[in-house]
Amino acid sequence: MESFLFYLFALTALLAAVNVLIQRRVFYSAISLIICLTALSGIYMILDSPFIAAIQVIVYAGAIMVLFLFVIMLLDPFSATLLRDKKKSLAYFAVLLGICGIALLYQLLKSYDLARAPRSPAGLTGSMGSIRHIGEVLFEGYLLPFEMTSILILVAIIGVVVLAKRKT
């Protein structure tokens, strides 16, 4: 079952990454990137790295991509005529994709072994991949690059807003 899920998540990530490159609309590329990042999170879960999987979903697929989508929607790349044409075909695809996602989630939760689940985080404090170790390395050794990245993202968002306001 694990190898099947690994190949499923890997294929999903690969197809979504290719779709990011070949899409003509920026919004659909961003949605494909969210799917790719979520599939990578599934691969991390299979590799027994739940913290990195959660961070992948919360930080990348969640917060950063929401900012990207906000900026994309602020620029309004869609017109009413384009949306009218695709609305019906995408609705059927969305329902089918939702049913498949629920079925996959049900199978994943059904096969989850509770005996293997960690009972307390006390055993994780001394290991290399623990939350404490990751926090110490990130905020002691890599504090400057971490802060510079956040400033770079903020400046990019402000720049896009200024450019979008200038067009209107």
N, C-alpha and C. Protein backbone atom coordinates (compact mmCIF):
# COMPACT_ATOMS: atom_id res chain seq x y z
N MET A 1 0.81 -1.19 0.00
CA MET A 1 0.00 0.00 0.00
C MET A 1 0.87 1.26 0.00
N GLU A 2 2.00 1.22 0.75
CA GLU A 2 2.87 2.40 0.79
C GLU A 2 3.49 2.69 -0.56
N SER A 3 3.92 1.65 -1.27
CA SER A 3 4.52 1.90 -2.58
C SER A 3 3.49 2.44 -3.57
N PHE A 4 2.25 1.95 -3.48
CA PHE A 4 1.19 2.47 -4.34
C PHE A 4 0.95 3.96 -4.06
N LEU A 5 0.87 4.33 -2.78
CA LEU A 5 0.66 5.73 -2.43
C LEU A 5 1.84 6.60 -2.85
N PHE A 6 3.06 6.05 -2.69
CA PHE A 6 4.24 6.81 -3.12
C PHE A 6 4.18 7.09 -4.61
N TYR A 7 3.90 6.08 -5.41
CA TYR A 7 3.82 6.29 -6.85
C TYR A 7 2.66 7.21 -7.23
N LEU A 8 1.56 7.12 -6.51
CA LEU A 8 0.42 7.99 -6.78
C LEU A 8 0.77 9.44 -6.48
N PHE A 9 1.38 9.69 -5.31
CA PHE A 9 1.78 11.06 -4.97
C PHE A 9 2.88 11.57 -5.90
N ALA A 10 3.82 10.70 -6.27
CA ALA A 10 4.90 11.12 -7.16
C ALA A 10 4.35 11.47 -8.55
N LEU A 11 3.44 10.65 -9.05
CA LEU A 11 2.84 10.94 -10.36
C LEU A 11 2.02 12.22 -10.30
N THR A 12 1.28 12.42 -9.22
CA THR A 12 0.51 13.65 -9.07
C THR A 12 1.42 14.87 -9.02
N ALA A 13 2.50 14.78 -8.26
CA ALA A 13 3.45 15.90 -8.17
C ALA A 13 4.09 16.19 -9.52
N LEU A 14 4.46 15.14 -10.24
CA LEU A 14 5.10 15.32 -11.54
C LEU A 14 4.14 15.94 -12.54
N LEU A 15 2.91 15.44 -12.61
CA LEU A 15 1.93 15.99 -13.55
C LEU A 15 1.57 17.42 -13.20
N ALA A 16 1.44 17.70 -11.91
CA ALA A 16 1.13 19.07 -11.50
C ALA A 16 2.29 20.02 -11.81
N ALA A 17 3.53 19.56 -11.63
CA ALA A 17 4.68 20.41 -11.93
C ALA A 17 4.78 20.69 -13.43
N VAL A 18 4.51 19.69 -14.25
CA VAL A 18 4.49 19.91 -15.70
C VAL A 18 3.35 20.85 -16.07
N ASN A 19 2.22 20.70 -15.40
CA ASN A 19 1.07 21.57 -15.67
C ASN A 19 1.36 23.02 -15.29
N VAL A 20 2.20 23.24 -14.28
CA VAL A 20 2.60 24.60 -13.93
C VAL A 20 3.31 25.26 -15.12
N LEU A 21 4.11 24.48 -15.81
CA LEU A 21 4.89 25.03 -16.91
C LEU A 21 4.09 25.23 -18.19
N ILE A 22 3.12 24.36 -18.45
CA ILE A 22 2.43 24.42 -19.74
C ILE A 22 1.12 25.21 -19.71
N GLN A 23 0.67 25.61 -18.54
CA GLN A 23 -0.59 26.36 -18.47
C GLN A 23 -0.42 27.75 -19.08
N ARG A 24 -1.46 28.21 -19.76
CA ARG A 24 -1.43 29.54 -20.36
C ARG A 24 -1.92 30.60 -19.37
N ARG A 25 -2.71 30.20 -18.41
CA ARG A 25 -3.25 31.13 -17.42
C ARG A 25 -2.45 31.03 -16.12
N VAL A 26 -2.11 32.17 -15.55
CA VAL A 26 -1.29 32.20 -14.34
C VAL A 26 -2.04 31.59 -13.15
N PHE A 27 -3.33 31.83 -13.08
CA PHE A 27 -4.13 31.31 -11.98
C PHE A 27 -4.10 29.78 -11.95
N TYR A 28 -4.25 29.15 -13.10
CA TYR A 28 -4.22 27.68 -13.16
C TYR A 28 -2.83 27.13 -12.86
N SER A 29 -1.80 27.87 -13.21
CA SER A 29 -0.44 27.46 -12.83
C SER A 29 -0.27 27.48 -11.32
N ALA A 30 -0.82 28.49 -10.68
CA ALA A 30 -0.72 28.58 -9.21
C ALA A 30 -1.50 27.44 -8.55
N ILE A 31 -2.66 27.12 -9.07
CA ILE A 31 -3.44 26.00 -8.53
C ILE A 31 -2.67 24.69 -8.72
N SER A 32 -2.04 24.51 -9.87
CA SER A 32 -1.24 23.31 -10.10
C SER A 32 -0.06 23.23 -9.16
N LEU A 33 0.52 24.38 -8.83
CA LEU A 33 1.64 24.40 -7.88
C LEU A 33 1.17 24.00 -6.49
N ILE A 34 -0.03 24.41 -6.10
CA ILE A 34 -0.59 24.00 -4.81
C ILE A 34 -0.78 22.48 -4.79
N ILE A 35 -1.28 21.91 -5.89
CA ILE A 35 -1.46 20.46 -5.97
C ILE A 35 -0.11 19.75 -5.88
N CYS A 36 0.90 20.29 -6.54
CA CYS A 36 2.24 19.69 -6.49
C CYS A 36 2.81 19.72 -5.07
N LEU A 37 2.67 20.84 -4.38
CA LEU A 37 3.18 20.95 -3.02
C LEU A 37 2.43 20.04 -2.05
N THR A 38 1.14 19.87 -2.27
CA THR A 38 0.36 18.96 -1.43
C THR A 38 0.76 17.52 -1.68
N ALA A 39 1.03 17.16 -2.93
CA ALA A 39 1.50 15.80 -3.23
C ALA A 39 2.86 15.54 -2.60
N LEU A 40 3.72 16.54 -2.60
CA LEU A 40 5.02 16.39 -1.92
C LEU A 40 4.83 16.19 -0.42
N SER A 41 3.84 16.84 0.13
CA SER A 41 3.53 16.63 1.55
C SER A 41 3.11 15.19 1.80
N GLY A 42 2.35 14.61 0.90
CA GLY A 42 1.97 13.20 1.02
C GLY A 42 3.19 12.29 0.97
N ILE A 43 4.16 12.62 0.14
CA ILE A 43 5.39 11.83 0.08
C ILE A 43 6.16 11.93 1.39
N TYR A 44 6.20 13.13 1.97
CA TYR A 44 6.85 13.28 3.27
C TYR A 44 6.15 12.45 4.35
N MET A 45 4.83 12.37 4.29
CA MET A 45 4.11 11.54 5.26
C MET A 45 4.47 10.07 5.11
N ILE A 46 4.61 9.61 3.88
CA ILE A 46 5.00 8.22 3.64
C ILE A 46 6.41 7.96 4.19
N LEU A 47 7.27 8.96 4.11
CA LEU A 47 8.64 8.83 4.59
C LEU A 47 8.77 9.06 6.09
N ASP A 48 7.65 9.07 6.81
CA ASP A 48 7.60 9.25 8.26
C ASP A 48 8.21 10.58 8.72
N SER A 49 7.87 11.64 8.01
CA SER A 49 8.28 12.98 8.41
C SER A 49 7.04 13.87 8.53
N PRO A 50 6.25 13.64 9.58
CA PRO A 50 4.99 14.38 9.67
C PRO A 50 5.17 15.88 9.89
N PHE A 51 6.24 16.27 10.57
CA PHE A 51 6.46 17.69 10.80
C PHE A 51 6.74 18.42 9.49
N ILE A 52 7.62 17.85 8.68
CA ILE A 52 7.95 18.48 7.41
C ILE A 52 6.73 18.47 6.48
N ALA A 53 5.93 17.42 6.55
CA ALA A 53 4.71 17.37 5.74
C ALA A 53 3.74 18.46 6.16
N ALA A 54 3.59 18.65 7.45
CA ALA A 54 2.67 19.69 7.94
C ALA A 54 3.18 21.08 7.58
N ILE A 55 4.47 21.29 7.71
CA ILE A 55 5.04 22.59 7.34
C ILE A 55 4.89 22.83 5.85
N GLN A 56 5.04 21.78 5.05
CA GLN A 56 4.86 21.89 3.59
C GLN A 56 3.46 22.39 3.26
N VAL A 57 2.46 21.84 3.93
CA VAL A 57 1.08 22.24 3.65
C VAL A 57 0.79 23.61 4.25
N ILE A 58 1.18 23.84 5.49
CA ILE A 58 0.81 25.09 6.16
C ILE A 58 1.54 26.28 5.55
N VAL A 59 2.85 26.16 5.39
CA VAL A 59 3.63 27.31 4.94
C VAL A 59 3.56 27.50 3.43
N TYR A 60 3.91 26.45 2.69
CA TYR A 60 4.01 26.62 1.24
C TYR A 60 2.65 26.56 0.55
N ALA A 61 1.95 25.44 0.68
CA ALA A 61 0.67 25.30 -0.01
C ALA A 61 -0.39 26.19 0.61
N GLY A 62 -0.20 26.56 1.86
CA GLY A 62 -1.18 27.40 2.53
C GLY A 62 -0.86 28.87 2.40
N ALA A 63 0.05 29.35 3.22
CA ALA A 63 0.27 30.79 3.36
C ALA A 63 0.86 31.44 2.11
N ILE A 64 1.95 30.91 1.60
CA ILE A 64 2.62 31.56 0.47
C ILE A 64 1.77 31.50 -0.79
N MET A 65 1.15 30.37 -1.05
CA MET A 65 0.33 30.26 -2.26
C MET A 65 -0.95 31.09 -2.14
N VAL A 66 -1.47 31.27 -0.95
CA VAL A 66 -2.62 32.16 -0.79
C VAL A 66 -2.21 33.59 -1.14
N LEU A 67 -1.02 33.99 -0.74
CA LEU A 67 -0.53 35.31 -1.12
C LEU A 67 -0.37 35.43 -2.63
N PHE A 68 0.19 34.41 -3.26
CA PHE A 68 0.33 34.43 -4.72
C PHE A 68 -1.03 34.52 -5.40
N LEU A 69 -1.98 33.72 -4.94
CA LEU A 69 -3.31 33.75 -5.54
C LEU A 69 -4.00 35.09 -5.30
N PHE A 70 -3.78 35.69 -4.14
CA PHE A 70 -4.34 37.00 -3.87
C PHE A 70 -3.80 38.03 -4.85
N VAL A 71 -2.50 38.00 -5.09
CA VAL A 71 -1.90 38.95 -6.02
C VAL A 71 -2.38 38.68 -7.44
N ILE A 72 -2.50 37.43 -7.82
CA ILE A 72 -2.98 37.09 -9.16
C ILE A 72 -4.42 37.57 -9.34
N MET A 73 -5.26 37.33 -8.35
CA MET A 73 -6.64 37.76 -8.46
C MET A 73 -6.75 39.29 -8.39
N LEU A 74 -5.81 39.95 -7.75
CA LEU A 74 -5.79 41.40 -7.70
C LEU A 74 -5.55 41.98 -9.10
N LEU A 75 -4.75 41.29 -9.87
CA LEU A 75 -4.48 41.73 -11.25
C LEU A 75 -5.62 41.42 -12.20
N ASP A 76 -6.57 40.57 -11.79
CA ASP A 76 -7.76 40.21 -12.56
C ASP A 76 -7.43 39.73 -13.97
N PRO A 77 -6.79 38.55 -14.08
CA PRO A 77 -6.43 38.07 -15.41
C PRO A 77 -7.60 37.47 -16.18
N PHE A 78 -8.76 37.35 -15.57
CA PHE A 78 -9.90 36.72 -16.22
C PHE A 78 -10.89 37.77 -16.68
N SER A 79 -11.52 37.49 -17.76
CA SER A 79 -12.64 38.31 -18.18
C SER A 79 -13.91 37.47 -18.05
N ALA A 80 -15.05 38.08 -18.11
CA ALA A 80 -16.32 37.37 -17.94
C ALA A 80 -16.56 36.37 -19.07
N THR A 81 -16.11 36.68 -20.27
CA THR A 81 -16.35 35.76 -21.39
C THR A 81 -15.54 34.49 -21.25
N LEU A 82 -14.31 34.59 -20.78
CA LEU A 82 -13.49 33.39 -20.61
C LEU A 82 -14.06 32.49 -19.52
N LEU A 83 -14.55 33.08 -18.44
CA LEU A 83 -15.09 32.28 -17.35
C LEU A 83 -16.38 31.57 -17.74
N ARG A 84 -17.22 32.21 -18.54
CA ARG A 84 -18.48 31.60 -18.94
C ARG A 84 -18.27 30.33 -19.76
N ASP A 85 -17.26 30.32 -20.62
CA ASP A 85 -17.02 29.18 -21.49
C ASP A 85 -16.55 27.95 -20.74
N LYS A 86 -15.73 28.13 -19.74
CA LYS A 86 -15.12 26.99 -19.06
C LYS A 86 -15.87 26.54 -17.82
N LYS A 87 -16.85 27.29 -17.39
CA LYS A 87 -17.51 27.02 -16.12
C LYS A 87 -18.18 25.65 -16.09
N LYS A 88 -18.88 25.26 -17.15
CA LYS A 88 -19.62 23.99 -17.14
C LYS A 88 -18.69 22.79 -17.14
N SER A 89 -17.68 22.79 -17.99
CA SER A 89 -16.78 21.63 -18.06
C SER A 89 -15.95 21.49 -16.79
N LEU A 90 -15.57 22.60 -16.20
CA LEU A 90 -14.79 22.52 -14.97
C LEU A 90 -15.63 22.07 -13.78
N ALA A 91 -16.92 22.32 -13.78
CA ALA A 91 -17.77 21.90 -12.68
C ALA A 91 -17.85 20.38 -12.61
N TYR A 92 -18.00 19.72 -13.74
CA TYR A 92 -18.04 18.26 -13.75
C TYR A 92 -16.70 17.67 -13.32
N PHE A 93 -15.63 18.27 -13.78
CA PHE A 93 -14.30 17.80 -13.41
C PHE A 93 -14.04 18.00 -11.92
N ALA A 94 -14.52 19.10 -11.36
CA ALA A 94 -14.32 19.38 -9.94
C ALA A 94 -15.06 18.37 -9.08
N VAL A 95 -16.28 18.00 -9.47
CA VAL A 95 -17.04 17.00 -8.71
C VAL A 95 -16.33 15.65 -8.76
N LEU A 96 -15.87 15.26 -9.94
CA LEU A 96 -15.15 13.98 -10.08
C LEU A 96 -13.86 13.99 -9.27
N LEU A 97 -13.13 15.08 -9.31
CA LEU A 97 -11.88 15.19 -8.54
C LEU A 97 -12.15 15.17 -7.04
N GLY A 98 -13.23 15.81 -6.60
CA GLY A 98 -13.60 15.79 -5.19
C GLY A 98 -13.95 14.40 -4.69
N ILE A 99 -14.70 13.64 -5.50
CA ILE A 99 -15.06 12.26 -5.13
C ILE A 99 -13.81 11.40 -5.04
N CYS A 100 -12.91 11.54 -6.00
CA CYS A 100 -11.66 10.76 -5.96
C CYS A 100 -10.81 11.13 -4.75
N GLY A 101 -10.76 12.42 -4.41
CA GLY A 101 -10.00 12.86 -3.25
C GLY A 101 -10.57 12.33 -1.95
N ILE A 102 -11.88 12.32 -1.82
CA ILE A 102 -12.52 11.79 -0.61
C ILE A 102 -12.29 10.29 -0.50
N ALA A 103 -12.37 9.56 -1.63
CA ALA A 103 -12.12 8.12 -1.60
C ALA A 103 -10.68 7.82 -1.22
N LEU A 104 -9.74 8.60 -1.74
CA LEU A 104 -8.33 8.39 -1.40
C LEU A 104 -8.08 8.72 0.07
N LEU A 105 -8.68 9.78 0.57
CA LEU A 105 -8.53 10.14 1.98
C LEU A 105 -9.13 9.07 2.88
N TYR A 106 -10.26 8.51 2.49
CA TYR A 106 -10.88 7.44 3.27
C TYR A 106 -9.96 6.22 3.33
N GLN A 107 -9.39 5.82 2.20
CA GLN A 107 -8.47 4.67 2.17
C GLN A 107 -7.22 4.94 3.00
N LEU A 108 -6.72 6.16 2.94
CA LEU A 108 -5.52 6.50 3.70
C LEU A 108 -5.80 6.46 5.20
N LEU A 109 -6.93 7.00 5.63
CA LEU A 109 -7.26 6.97 7.05
C LEU A 109 -7.61 5.57 7.53
N LYS A 110 -8.20 4.77 6.66
CA LYS A 110 -8.56 3.39 7.01
C LYS A 110 -7.31 2.53 7.20
N SER A 111 -6.28 2.79 6.41
CA SER A 111 -5.07 1.97 6.50
C SER A 111 -4.05 2.51 7.51
N TYR A 112 -4.33 3.64 8.15
CA TYR A 112 -3.39 4.21 9.11
C TYR A 112 -3.32 3.33 10.35
N ASP A 113 -2.12 2.97 10.73
CA ASP A 113 -1.89 2.08 11.86
C ASP A 113 -1.70 2.92 13.13
N LEU A 114 -2.66 2.84 14.05
CA LEU A 114 -2.57 3.62 15.28
C LEU A 114 -1.47 3.12 16.21
N ALA A 115 -1.09 1.86 16.08
CA ALA A 115 -0.03 1.33 16.95
C ALA A 115 1.32 1.97 16.61
N ARG A 116 1.49 2.40 15.35
CA ARG A 116 2.74 3.01 14.93
C ARG A 116 2.80 4.49 15.24
N ALA A 117 1.68 5.09 15.54
CA ALA A 117 1.63 6.54 15.78
C ALA A 117 2.36 6.88 17.07
N PRO A 118 3.11 7.99 17.08
CA PRO A 118 3.81 8.38 18.31
C PRO A 118 2.82 8.82 19.38
N ARG A 119 3.10 8.41 20.61
CA ARG A 119 2.19 8.72 21.72
C ARG A 119 2.53 10.04 22.40
N SER A 120 3.82 10.36 22.51
CA SER A 120 4.20 11.61 23.15
C SER A 120 5.39 12.20 22.42
N PRO A 121 5.49 13.50 22.40
CA PRO A 121 6.61 14.12 21.71
C PRO A 121 7.90 14.10 22.52
N ALA A 122 7.90 13.48 23.70
CA ALA A 122 9.11 13.48 24.55
C ALA A 122 10.25 12.72 23.88
N GLY A 123 9.96 11.68 23.12
CA GLY A 123 11.01 10.91 22.47
C GLY A 123 11.63 11.63 21.29
N LEU A 124 11.03 12.73 20.85
CA LEU A 124 11.51 13.44 19.68
C LEU A 124 12.49 14.55 20.00
N THR A 125 12.70 14.88 21.27
CA THR A 125 13.48 16.06 21.63
C THR A 125 14.97 15.94 21.31
N GLY A 126 15.54 14.78 21.36
CA GLY A 126 16.97 14.65 21.15
C GLY A 126 17.36 14.25 19.75
N SER A 127 16.43 13.95 18.89
CA SER A 127 16.79 13.44 17.57
C SER A 127 17.13 14.57 16.62
N MET A 128 17.75 14.20 15.53
CA MET A 128 18.22 15.17 14.54
C MET A 128 17.07 15.89 13.85
N GLY A 129 15.98 15.22 13.57
CA GLY A 129 14.87 15.83 12.85
C GLY A 129 13.77 16.35 13.75
N SER A 130 14.06 16.58 15.00
CA SER A 130 13.03 17.03 15.93
C SER A 130 12.68 18.50 15.67
N ILE A 131 11.57 18.89 16.22
CA ILE A 131 11.12 20.27 16.06
C ILE A 131 12.08 21.22 16.76
N ARG A 132 12.57 20.82 17.90
CA ARG A 132 13.51 21.67 18.64
C ARG A 132 14.80 21.88 17.84
N HIS A 133 15.32 20.80 17.27
CA HIS A 133 16.56 20.91 16.50
C HIS A 133 16.37 21.77 15.25
N ILE A 134 15.24 21.58 14.55
CA ILE A 134 14.97 22.39 13.36
C ILE A 134 14.83 23.86 13.73
N GLY A 135 14.16 24.15 14.84
CA GLY A 135 14.01 25.53 15.29
C GLY A 135 15.33 26.16 15.66
N GLU A 136 16.19 25.41 16.36
CA GLU A 136 17.50 25.95 16.74
C GLU A 136 18.35 26.24 15.52
N VAL A 137 18.36 25.31 14.56
CA VAL A 137 19.17 25.53 13.36
C VAL A 137 18.62 26.71 12.55
N LEU A 138 17.30 26.78 12.42
CA LEU A 138 16.69 27.83 11.62
C LEU A 138 16.88 29.21 12.23
N PHE A 139 16.66 29.34 13.52
CA PHE A 139 16.69 30.66 14.14
C PHE A 139 18.05 31.03 14.74
N GLU A 140 19.01 30.13 14.76
CA GLU A 140 20.35 30.49 15.18
C GLU A 140 21.29 30.59 13.98
N GLY A 141 21.36 29.54 13.19
CA GLY A 141 22.30 29.52 12.08
C GLY A 141 21.80 30.20 10.82
N TYR A 142 20.50 30.21 10.59
CA TYR A 142 19.95 30.73 9.35
C TYR A 142 18.94 31.85 9.59
N LEU A 143 19.13 32.64 10.63
CA LEU A 143 18.18 33.71 10.93
C LEU A 143 18.19 34.79 9.87
N LEU A 144 19.37 35.21 9.43
CA LEU A 144 19.45 36.27 8.43
C LEU A 144 18.82 35.85 7.09
N PRO A 145 19.13 34.67 6.53
CA PRO A 145 18.45 34.28 5.29
C PRO A 145 16.94 34.12 5.47
N PHE A 146 16.51 33.66 6.64
CA PHE A 146 15.08 33.51 6.92
C PHE A 146 14.39 34.87 6.89
N GLU A 147 14.96 35.86 7.53
CA GLU A 147 14.37 37.20 7.55
C GLU A 147 14.46 37.88 6.19
N MET A 148 15.55 37.66 5.48
CA MET A 148 15.70 38.26 4.15
C MET A 148 14.66 37.70 3.17
N THR A 149 14.36 36.43 3.31
CA THR A 149 13.33 35.83 2.46
C THR A 149 11.97 36.44 2.74
N SER A 150 11.66 36.66 4.00
CA SER A 150 10.37 37.27 4.32
C SER A 150 10.30 38.71 3.81
N ILE A 151 11.38 39.44 3.87
CA ILE A 151 11.41 40.82 3.36
C ILE A 151 11.29 40.80 1.84
N LEU A 152 11.95 39.85 1.18
CA LEU A 152 11.87 39.75 -0.28
C LEU A 152 10.44 39.47 -0.73
N ILE A 153 9.74 38.58 -0.04
CA ILE A 153 8.36 38.28 -0.39
C ILE A 153 7.47 39.51 -0.16
N LEU A 154 7.69 40.22 0.93
CA LEU A 154 6.91 41.43 1.21
C LEU A 154 7.14 42.49 0.15
N VAL A 155 8.38 42.71 -0.26
CA VAL A 155 8.69 43.70 -1.29
C VAL A 155 8.07 43.31 -2.62
N ALA A 156 8.09 42.01 -2.96
CA ALA A 156 7.48 41.54 -4.21
C ALA A 156 5.97 41.79 -4.21
N ILE A 157 5.32 41.53 -3.10
CA ILE A 157 3.87 41.76 -3.02
C ILE A 157 3.55 43.25 -3.13
N ILE A 158 4.33 44.09 -2.46
CA ILE A 158 4.10 45.54 -2.55
C ILE A 158 4.35 46.03 -3.98
N GLY A 159 5.36 45.50 -4.63
CA GLY A 159 5.64 45.87 -6.02
C GLY A 159 4.51 45.50 -6.96
N VAL A 160 3.94 44.33 -6.78
CA VAL A 160 2.83 43.91 -7.63
C VAL A 160 1.61 44.78 -7.38
N VAL A 161 1.34 45.12 -6.15
CA VAL A 161 0.20 45.98 -5.84
C VAL A 161 0.39 47.36 -6.46
N VAL A 162 1.59 47.90 -6.38
CA VAL A 162 1.87 49.22 -6.98
C VAL A 162 1.71 49.15 -8.49
N LEU A 163 2.23 48.10 -9.13
CA LEU A 163 2.08 47.95 -10.58
C LEU A 163 0.62 47.77 -10.97
N ALA A 164 -0.13 47.04 -10.17
CA ALA A 164 -1.55 46.83 -10.49
C ALA A 164 -2.34 48.13 -10.33
N LYS A 165 -2.02 48.92 -9.34
CA LYS A 165 -2.71 50.21 -9.15
C LYS A 165 -2.37 51.18 -10.28
N ARG A 166 -1.17 51.13 -10.80
CA ARG A 166 -0.76 52.03 -11.87
C ARG A 166 -1.53 51.72 -13.15
N LYS A 167 -1.87 50.44 -13.40
CA LYS A 167 -2.60 50.07 -14.61
C LYS A 167 -4.03 50.58 -14.59
N THR A 168 -4.64 50.64 -13.40
CA THR A 168 -6.04 51.05 -13.33
C THR A 168 -6.24 52.50 -13.19
